[in-house]
Amino acid sequence: MGCDLCDGKACKCEKQIKVSFCPKCKSRDVKYVFGLGNLFGIIPKMKCGKCGLEMNSFPLLVTSKKLLAASDKGKAKKKKSGRAKK
């Protein structure tokens, strides 16, 4: 059985994935920073793209692809319905 997100063969949505998120703003836009500030990448450093928080490591969220996709759809609906109409 598959789901509406898969191609109908084997459902790959139930696979567990790990996603880093910012503890301050709850954004998943977290990336590694490379450069002089962290000794040329020897000491890993991460930075949130939304609020700019820098830490050695961010907390991990372990979830399935299906739940992550549903969360993204909910956020997109919220953004669309939150716009003021002119």
Protein backbone atom coordinates (compact mmCIF):
# COMPACT_ATOMS: atom_id res chain seq x y z
CA MET A 1 0.00 0.00 0.00
CA GLY A 2 1.13 3.52 -0.68
CA CYS A 3 0.02 6.94 0.33
CA ASP A 4 -0.97 10.02 -1.66
CA LEU A 5 2.61 11.33 -1.47
CA CYS A 6 4.24 8.22 -2.99
CA ASP A 7 4.05 6.74 -6.48
CA GLY A 8 1.86 3.79 -5.46
CA LYS A 9 4.64 1.23 -5.07
CA ALA A 10 6.32 0.91 -1.68
CA CYS A 11 5.59 3.79 0.68
CA LYS A 12 8.82 5.50 1.69
CA CYS A 13 7.13 8.07 3.91
CA GLU A 14 7.33 5.98 7.07
CA LYS A 15 11.13 6.08 7.05
CA GLN A 16 12.44 7.93 10.11
CA ILE A 17 14.52 11.03 9.37
CA LYS A 18 16.44 13.42 11.61
CA VAL A 19 15.93 17.16 11.14
CA SER A 20 17.81 19.90 13.01
CA PHE A 21 15.75 22.82 14.25
CA CYS A 22 16.41 26.11 16.02
CA PRO A 23 15.36 26.08 19.71
CA LYS A 24 14.75 29.85 19.63
CA CYS A 25 12.45 30.30 16.62
CA LYS A 26 11.60 26.63 15.81
CA SER A 27 12.77 27.03 12.20
CA ARG A 28 14.26 24.11 10.26
CA ASP A 29 16.46 26.47 8.21
CA VAL A 30 19.67 25.39 10.01
CA LYS A 31 22.99 25.16 8.18
CA TYR A 32 26.64 24.54 8.96
CA VAL A 33 28.97 27.57 8.97
CA PHE A 34 32.47 27.28 7.52
CA GLY A 35 35.20 29.88 7.74
CA LEU A 36 37.73 31.53 10.03
CA GLY A 37 35.29 31.82 12.93
CA ASN A 38 35.24 28.07 13.46
CA LEU A 39 38.85 27.13 12.65
CA PHE A 40 38.29 26.29 8.96
CA GLY A 41 35.52 23.79 9.71
CA ILE A 42 37.50 21.74 12.24
CA ILE A 43 35.02 22.58 14.99
CA PRO A 44 31.51 22.27 13.55
CA LYS A 45 29.26 25.27 14.04
CA MET A 46 25.63 25.67 13.01
CA LYS A 47 23.58 28.80 12.35
CA CYS A 48 19.85 29.40 12.01
CA GLY A 49 18.99 31.11 8.74
CA LYS A 50 15.88 32.76 10.17
CA CYS A 51 16.99 34.30 13.50
CA GLY A 52 20.80 34.03 13.23
CA LEU A 53 21.35 31.94 16.40
CA GLU A 54 24.75 30.17 16.35
CA MET A 55 25.51 27.01 18.33
CA ASN A 56 27.84 24.01 18.14
CA SER A 57 24.84 21.77 17.52
CA PHE A 58 21.10 22.20 17.32
CA PRO A 59 18.53 19.75 18.71
CA LEU A 60 17.32 16.98 16.40
CA LEU A 61 13.72 16.14 15.63
CA VAL A 62 13.18 12.48 14.68
CA THR A 63 10.06 12.19 12.53
CA SER A 64 8.73 10.52 9.39
CA LYS A 65 8.70 12.08 5.94
CA LYS A 66 4.91 11.88 5.93
CA LEU A 67 4.51 13.96 9.10
CA LEU A 68 7.11 16.46 7.89
CA ALA A 69 5.29 16.92 4.58
CA ALA A 70 1.97 17.37 6.40
CA SER A 71 3.57 20.00 8.64
CA ASP A 72 4.88 21.88 5.60
CA LYS A 73 1.43 21.83 3.99
CA GLY A 74 -0.12 23.23 7.17
CA LYS A 75 2.40 26.07 7.32
CA ALA A 76 1.79 26.91 3.65
CA LYS A 77 -1.98 27.08 4.23
CA LYS A 78 -1.45 29.32 7.27
CA LYS A 79 0.71 31.73 5.25
CA LYS A 80 -1.85 31.93 2.43
CA SER A 81 -4.82 32.47 4.73
CA GLY A 82 -2.95 35.04 6.82
CA ARG A 83 -2.49 37.51 3.97
CA ALA A 84 -4.62 40.60 3.92
CA LYS A 85 -6.76 41.00 0.80
CA LYS A 86 -6.83 44.36 -0.96
